[in-house]
Amino acid sequence: MAETASELKERVDLARGRLEQDLNSLQYHVRASLDWKTQYRRFPWAFLGAAFTSALMLGLAYSRMLPRAPIVLVDPDSRALRGLRRNR
């Protein structure tokens, strides 16, 4: 099948147009997928769960960094108990 140069150019232009449309569609879908506002509108409960989990993990990590006072167990004698009772 012998094609003329103009027919071949027309086929190439049609293919280029389809490729350009496909590329534009792909760019739109990628941008929509990476846009956090769009994802938030689609999946608000997932964002709420992620925020809660993040806050919980940060709180646990921070609480482990705080210094803790050592617990001292004392066996008080009767004199010390009377002193505590008077201070009330």
Protein backbone atom coordinates (compact mmCIF):
# COMPACT_ATOMS: atom_id res chain seq x y z
CA MET A 1 0.00 0.00 0.00
CA ALA A 2 1.62 3.14 -1.22
CA GLU A 3 0.85 6.24 0.82
CA THR A 4 1.51 9.70 -0.32
CA ALA A 5 3.48 12.09 1.81
CA SER A 6 0.36 14.10 2.68
CA GLU A 7 -1.51 10.97 3.86
CA LEU A 8 1.46 9.90 5.95
CA LYS A 9 1.72 13.40 7.47
CA GLU A 10 -2.00 13.32 8.28
CA ARG A 11 -1.66 9.95 10.05
CA VAL A 12 1.31 11.23 12.03
CA ASP A 13 -0.61 14.37 13.01
CA LEU A 14 -3.61 12.29 14.17
CA ALA A 15 -1.34 10.05 16.23
CA ARG A 16 0.39 13.10 17.71
CA GLY A 17 -3.00 14.58 18.64
CA ARG A 18 -4.09 11.37 20.38
CA LEU A 19 -0.79 11.17 22.25
CA GLU A 20 -1.15 14.79 23.35
CA GLN A 21 -4.67 14.11 24.65
CA ASP A 22 -3.47 11.02 26.50
CA LEU A 23 -0.57 12.95 28.03
CA ASN A 24 -2.86 15.77 29.16
CA SER A 25 -5.26 13.26 30.71
CA LEU A 26 -2.40 11.50 32.49
CA GLN A 27 -1.06 14.82 33.84
CA TYR A 28 -4.52 15.73 35.15
CA HIS A 29 -4.95 12.39 36.93
CA VAL A 30 -1.46 12.49 38.45
CA ARG A 31 -1.98 16.03 39.73
CA ALA A 32 -5.36 15.07 41.20
CA SER A 33 -3.84 12.00 42.86
CA LEU A 34 -1.03 14.01 44.44
CA ASP A 35 -3.19 16.97 45.50
CA TRP A 36 -3.79 16.58 49.24
CA LYS A 37 -6.90 18.79 49.16
CA THR A 38 -8.57 16.54 46.61
CA GLN A 39 -7.62 13.46 48.60
CA TYR A 40 -8.93 15.08 51.80
CA ARG A 41 -12.28 15.75 50.15
CA ARG A 42 -12.46 12.14 48.95
CA PHE A 43 -11.19 10.44 52.14
CA PRO A 44 -11.74 12.67 55.19
CA TRP A 45 -11.83 9.76 57.67
CA ALA A 46 -8.46 8.50 56.49
CA PHE A 47 -6.94 11.92 57.13
CA LEU A 48 -8.55 12.05 60.57
CA GLY A 49 -7.14 8.62 61.39
CA ALA A 50 -3.69 9.63 60.15
CA ALA A 51 -3.77 12.82 62.25
CA PHE A 52 -4.86 10.90 65.36
CA THR A 53 -2.20 8.23 64.87
CA SER A 54 0.50 10.84 64.28
CA ALA A 55 -0.47 12.76 67.42
CA LEU A 56 -0.51 9.55 69.46
CA MET A 57 2.92 8.49 68.21
CA LEU A 58 4.41 11.94 68.83
CA GLY A 59 2.90 12.04 72.30
CA LEU A 60 4.33 8.64 73.19
CA ALA A 61 7.75 9.54 71.82
CA TYR A 62 7.79 12.85 73.70
CA SER A 63 6.61 11.33 76.98
CA ARG A 64 9.49 8.85 76.91
CA MET A 65 12.00 11.69 76.60
CA LEU A 66 10.82 13.40 79.79
CA PRO A 67 12.84 12.70 82.93
CA ARG A 68 11.03 10.71 85.57
CA ALA A 69 11.41 11.03 89.29
CA PRO A 70 12.54 7.79 90.85
CA ILE A 71 10.01 6.04 93.02
CA VAL A 72 11.34 5.62 96.54
CA LEU A 73 9.61 3.12 98.77
CA VAL A 74 9.88 4.00 102.44
CA ASP A 75 8.84 1.89 105.37
CA PRO A 76 7.80 4.57 107.86
CA ASP A 77 8.03 3.95 111.57
CA SER A 78 5.28 4.89 114.00
CA ARG A 79 6.92 8.20 114.92
CA ALA A 80 7.01 9.29 111.26
CA LEU A 81 3.37 8.30 110.81
CA ARG A 82 2.35 10.38 113.82
CA GLY A 83 4.23 13.34 112.35
CA LEU A 84 2.36 12.99 109.09
CA ARG A 85 -0.91 12.76 110.93
CA ARG A 86 -0.22 16.00 112.84
CA ASN A 87 0.63 17.87 109.63
CA ARG A 88 -2.82 17.33 108.18
